Structure formats: C-alpha cells, structure tokens
C-alpha cells in the first residue's frame, strides 16, 4: 500500500544582493518589523496572497516559509520582491530561488513495532525515554521521524523526488514491522 504523503512546508531562499531598509516595513499593511524580535535583523512580508510569509534580512537575503509546494514557495518570493520593488525598497531583480528544506507527513496506515524495528534495522535510532519516534536518515537526503502510530514526518528534502524515493524506501523497509493494517486517523 503506498504512503499518503502530504507536503506541509517548503522553505526557499533567495539573495536580492542589495541592502533593504526593513525598519520601514511597519508603515505598510503587508510588513512587520520588530526591533525586539531577532534584534531588528529582519522584517516580514505577509498579506492575503501569501500562505506563509517571507522573511527579509537587512542584507537582502530572503526566506519563504509556509508554502505547500516548491512552485508556491518561489511565487511567494517573487511576490515579495515585486512588493519591495514597487515600494522602492529595492531595484527590480530576477529571483533565483533555492529550495532549502521540504517537510512532508505520511501515514503508513498501520501501527509499527518500533522496538523490534530498531533492534533489526541498524540505520534506525530509537531512544523512547528521549523521544517517542524512531529516527531514520534516508540515503536520499531527508531525515524521517517514524511514530508507532504509523505516522511519519519526512524533513530535510530538497526536492519532491527525494520525498517520493524516501517514502518508497520506508514502505519497503517497514512493512515487516507492521502490527496491523487497520489504523484510523
């Protein structure tokens, strides 16, 4: 049975290569700037067209968070750059976005015997006194948190392919440790 994987957050960065006076962001409905928060090193762009928000640093570096796809994350960055250019904070530039992290959740639709799994498979770390999930570092890049309920968090991916490859590998590795196939959300 294939995993039901859902992308929860895509974090994408871009460098605008120009200084931005973020202290003026609070003058706009889309902007936030707080000297107390992060020592005044960044401001935020958020309005009803952005699902997450775009963090903007004085140096011109930007981070888009909260998007549910790579495309949406890049569009958020482009939209933020458009706002900054329109309001004359920066000169117009083409955004060269880079995916830094993708976080997805999955449901194996079965409970997992984590103790037996951790004793059998050497690439899985389980310390139940410290954390309620097994940790697995996929050869494809992401790190996975696998809970006894069958829920999985896949983090650290740089592409959708890494998520898909990791989910397929997990499905094959873990099926021998399924307790039942009737888990409900």
Protein backbone atom coordinates (compact mmCIF):
# COMPACT_ATOMS: atom_id res chain seq x y z
CA UNK A 1 0.00 0.00 0.00
CA UNK A 2 1.55 3.36 -0.99
CA UNK A 3 2.04 6.02 1.62
CA UNK A 4 -0.23 9.02 1.73
CA UNK A 5 2.35 11.80 1.62
CA UNK A 6 1.43 15.44 2.06
CA UNK A 7 3.88 18.32 1.74
CA UNK A 8 3.42 20.58 4.75
CA UNK A 9 6.08 23.24 4.29
CA UNK A 10 8.61 24.31 1.67
CA UNK A 11 11.42 26.65 2.68
CA UNK A 12 13.06 28.51 -0.19
CA UNK A 13 15.71 31.23 -0.11
CA UNK A 14 16.93 33.94 -2.46
CA UNK A 15 19.53 36.67 -2.23
CA UNK A 16 18.49 40.05 -3.61
CA UNK A 17 22.11 41.32 -3.42
CA UNK A 18 21.12 44.71 -2.07
CA UNK A 19 20.58 46.36 1.29
CA UNK A 20 16.94 46.66 2.39
CA UNK A 21 15.74 49.18 4.95
CA UNK A 22 13.42 46.78 6.77
CA UNK A 23 12.80 49.29 9.56
CA UNK A 24 10.19 50.94 7.30
CA UNK A 25 8.17 47.73 6.84
CA UNK A 26 5.83 48.59 9.71
CA UNK A 27 4.46 51.50 7.66
CA UNK A 28 2.76 49.02 5.33
CA UNK A 29 -0.11 46.59 5.91
CA UNK A 30 1.96 43.78 4.38
CA UNK A 31 5.02 44.44 6.56
CA UNK A 32 6.23 43.63 10.04
CA UNK A 33 9.36 44.88 11.75
CA UNK A 34 10.11 44.48 15.43
CA UNK A 35 13.40 45.57 16.96
CA UNK A 36 12.92 43.17 19.88
CA UNK A 37 12.42 40.17 17.60
CA UNK A 38 15.77 38.88 16.26
CA UNK A 39 17.41 42.12 17.33
CA UNK A 40 15.94 44.01 14.39
CA UNK A 41 17.90 41.99 11.80
CA UNK A 42 14.84 41.06 9.75
CA UNK A 43 11.35 42.05 8.75
CA UNK A 44 8.45 40.09 7.31
CA UNK A 45 6.17 40.34 4.32
CA UNK A 46 2.75 38.78 4.72
CA UNK A 47 -0.62 39.51 3.18
CA UNK A 48 -3.63 37.57 1.97
CA UNK A 49 -1.79 36.48 -1.22
CA UNK A 50 0.95 34.69 0.76
CA UNK A 51 0.10 31.43 2.56
CA UNK A 52 3.17 31.61 4.80
CA UNK A 53 5.42 34.62 4.99
CA UNK A 54 8.66 35.92 3.54
CA UNK A 55 11.42 36.91 5.93
CA UNK A 56 13.63 39.73 4.64
CA UNK A 57 17.05 40.48 6.15
CA UNK A 58 18.90 43.80 6.03
CA UNK A 59 21.49 42.14 3.75
CA UNK A 60 18.85 41.36 1.12
CA UNK A 61 18.60 37.66 1.86
CA UNK A 62 15.04 36.32 1.89
CA UNK A 63 13.34 33.15 3.13
CA UNK A 64 9.91 31.93 2.08
CA UNK A 65 8.19 29.64 4.58
CA UNK A 66 4.75 28.11 4.83
CA UNK A 67 4.16 27.18 1.18
CA UNK A 68 2.79 23.73 0.31
CA UNK A 69 4.77 23.30 -2.92
CA UNK A 70 8.05 24.40 -4.49
CA UNK A 71 6.15 26.44 -7.06
CA UNK A 72 4.11 28.22 -4.39
CA UNK A 73 7.25 28.97 -2.36
CA UNK A 74 9.01 30.51 -5.35
CA UNK A 75 5.90 32.53 -6.25
CA UNK A 76 5.84 33.86 -2.65
CA UNK A 77 9.44 35.03 -3.03
CA UNK A 78 8.71 36.63 -6.41
CA UNK A 79 5.63 38.35 -5.00
CA UNK A 80 7.65 39.73 -2.06
CA UNK A 81 10.30 41.04 -4.45
CA UNK A 82 7.56 42.67 -6.52
CA UNK A 83 6.24 44.43 -3.40
CA UNK A 84 9.73 45.59 -2.42
CA UNK A 85 10.42 46.91 -5.94
CA UNK A 86 7.01 48.62 -6.22
CA UNK A 87 7.55 50.39 -2.89
CA UNK A 88 11.12 51.34 -3.91
CA UNK A 89 12.88 49.32 -1.22
CA UNK A 90 14.97 47.62 -3.93
CA UNK A 91 15.70 47.78 -7.63
CA UNK A 92 13.95 45.05 -9.64
CA UNK A 93 15.81 41.80 -9.97
CA UNK A 94 15.09 38.29 -11.15
CA UNK A 95 14.68 35.95 -8.19
CA UNK A 96 16.97 32.93 -8.17
CA UNK A 97 15.30 30.75 -5.57
CA UNK A 98 16.89 27.74 -3.91
CA UNK A 99 14.92 25.08 -2.05
CA UNK A 100 16.47 24.61 1.39
CA UNK A 101 14.03 22.24 3.05
CA UNK A 102 10.79 20.42 2.39
CA UNK A 103 8.76 18.86 5.18
CA UNK A 104 6.12 16.23 4.46
CA UNK A 105 3.93 13.97 6.53
CA UNK A 106 2.90 10.44 5.70
CA UNK A 107 0.65 7.76 7.10
CA UNK A 108 1.71 4.12 6.80
CA UNK A 109 -1.86 3.04 7.63
CA UNK A 110 -0.53 0.55 10.15
CA UNK A 111 0.95 0.64 13.63
CA UNK A 112 4.66 -0.17 13.77
CA UNK A 113 6.62 -2.24 16.27
CA UNK A 114 9.35 0.37 16.77
CA UNK A 115 11.32 -1.65 19.33
CA UNK A 116 11.62 -4.68 17.05
CA UNK A 117 12.37 -2.43 14.08
CA UNK A 118 15.19 -0.61 15.90
CA UNK A 119 16.73 -3.91 17.02
CA UNK A 120 16.57 -5.35 13.50
CA UNK A 121 17.46 -2.38 11.29
CA UNK A 122 20.75 -0.66 12.14
CA UNK A 123 20.01 2.61 10.36
CA UNK A 124 17.14 3.44 12.73
CA UNK A 125 17.69 5.15 16.08
CA UNK A 126 15.18 4.70 18.87
CA UNK A 127 15.51 6.21 22.34
CA UNK A 128 11.95 6.11 23.76
CA UNK A 129 12.99 7.79 27.02
CA UNK A 130 14.19 10.79 24.99
CA UNK A 131 11.76 10.94 22.05
CA UNK A 132 8.66 8.94 21.04
CA UNK A 133 9.72 8.28 17.43
CA UNK A 134 12.42 6.34 15.63
CA UNK A 135 14.82 8.45 13.59
CA UNK A 136 15.93 7.33 10.15
CA UNK A 137 18.36 9.14 7.87
CA UNK A 138 17.42 8.27 4.30
CA UNK A 139 20.20 7.71 1.76
CA UNK A 140 18.21 10.12 -0.46
CA UNK A 141 18.76 13.04 1.94
CA UNK A 142 15.76 13.52 4.22
CA UNK A 143 15.56 12.54 7.87
CA UNK A 144 12.43 10.71 8.98
CA UNK A 145 10.63 10.54 12.29
CA UNK A 146 8.62 7.33 12.47
CA UNK A 147 5.98 7.04 15.18
CA UNK A 148 4.47 3.80 16.49
CA UNK A 149 1.08 5.02 15.22
CA UNK A 150 2.36 4.73 11.65
CA UNK A 151 2.66 8.48 11.19
CA UNK A 152 5.88 9.69 9.59
CA UNK A 153 7.49 13.11 9.25
CA UNK A 154 9.96 13.49 6.38
CA UNK A 155 12.18 16.56 6.73
CA UNK A 156 15.24 17.94 5.04
CA UNK A 157 14.31 17.10 1.45
CA UNK A 158 15.44 19.43 -1.31
CA UNK A 159 13.07 18.04 -3.94
CA UNK A 160 9.81 16.18 -4.33
CA UNK A 161 11.78 13.26 -5.81
CA UNK A 162 13.72 12.88 -2.54
CA UNK A 163 10.42 12.67 -0.67
CA UNK A 164 8.96 10.11 -3.08
CA UNK A 165 12.13 7.99 -3.06
CA UNK A 166 12.27 8.11 0.74
CA UNK A 167 8.58 7.20 1.12
CA UNK A 168 9.01 4.21 -1.21
CA UNK A 169 12.08 3.02 0.68
CA UNK A 170 10.31 3.37 4.04
CA UNK A 171 7.31 1.41 2.81
CA UNK A 172 9.58 -1.48 1.79
CA UNK A 173 11.75 -1.38 4.91
CA UNK A 174 8.93 -1.12 7.43
CA UNK A 175 6.25 -3.50 6.13
CA UNK A 176 7.73 -6.39 8.12
CA UNK A 177 7.18 -4.39 11.33
CA UNK A 178 3.52 -3.53 10.79
CA UNK A 179 1.32 -4.55 13.72
CA UNK A 180 -1.98 -4.25 11.83
CA UNK A 181 -3.39 -2.63 8.73
CA UNK A 182 -6.49 -1.06 10.25
CA UNK A 183 -5.19 2.15 11.82
CA UNK A 184 -7.58 5.09 11.63
CA UNK A 185 -6.52 8.73 11.53
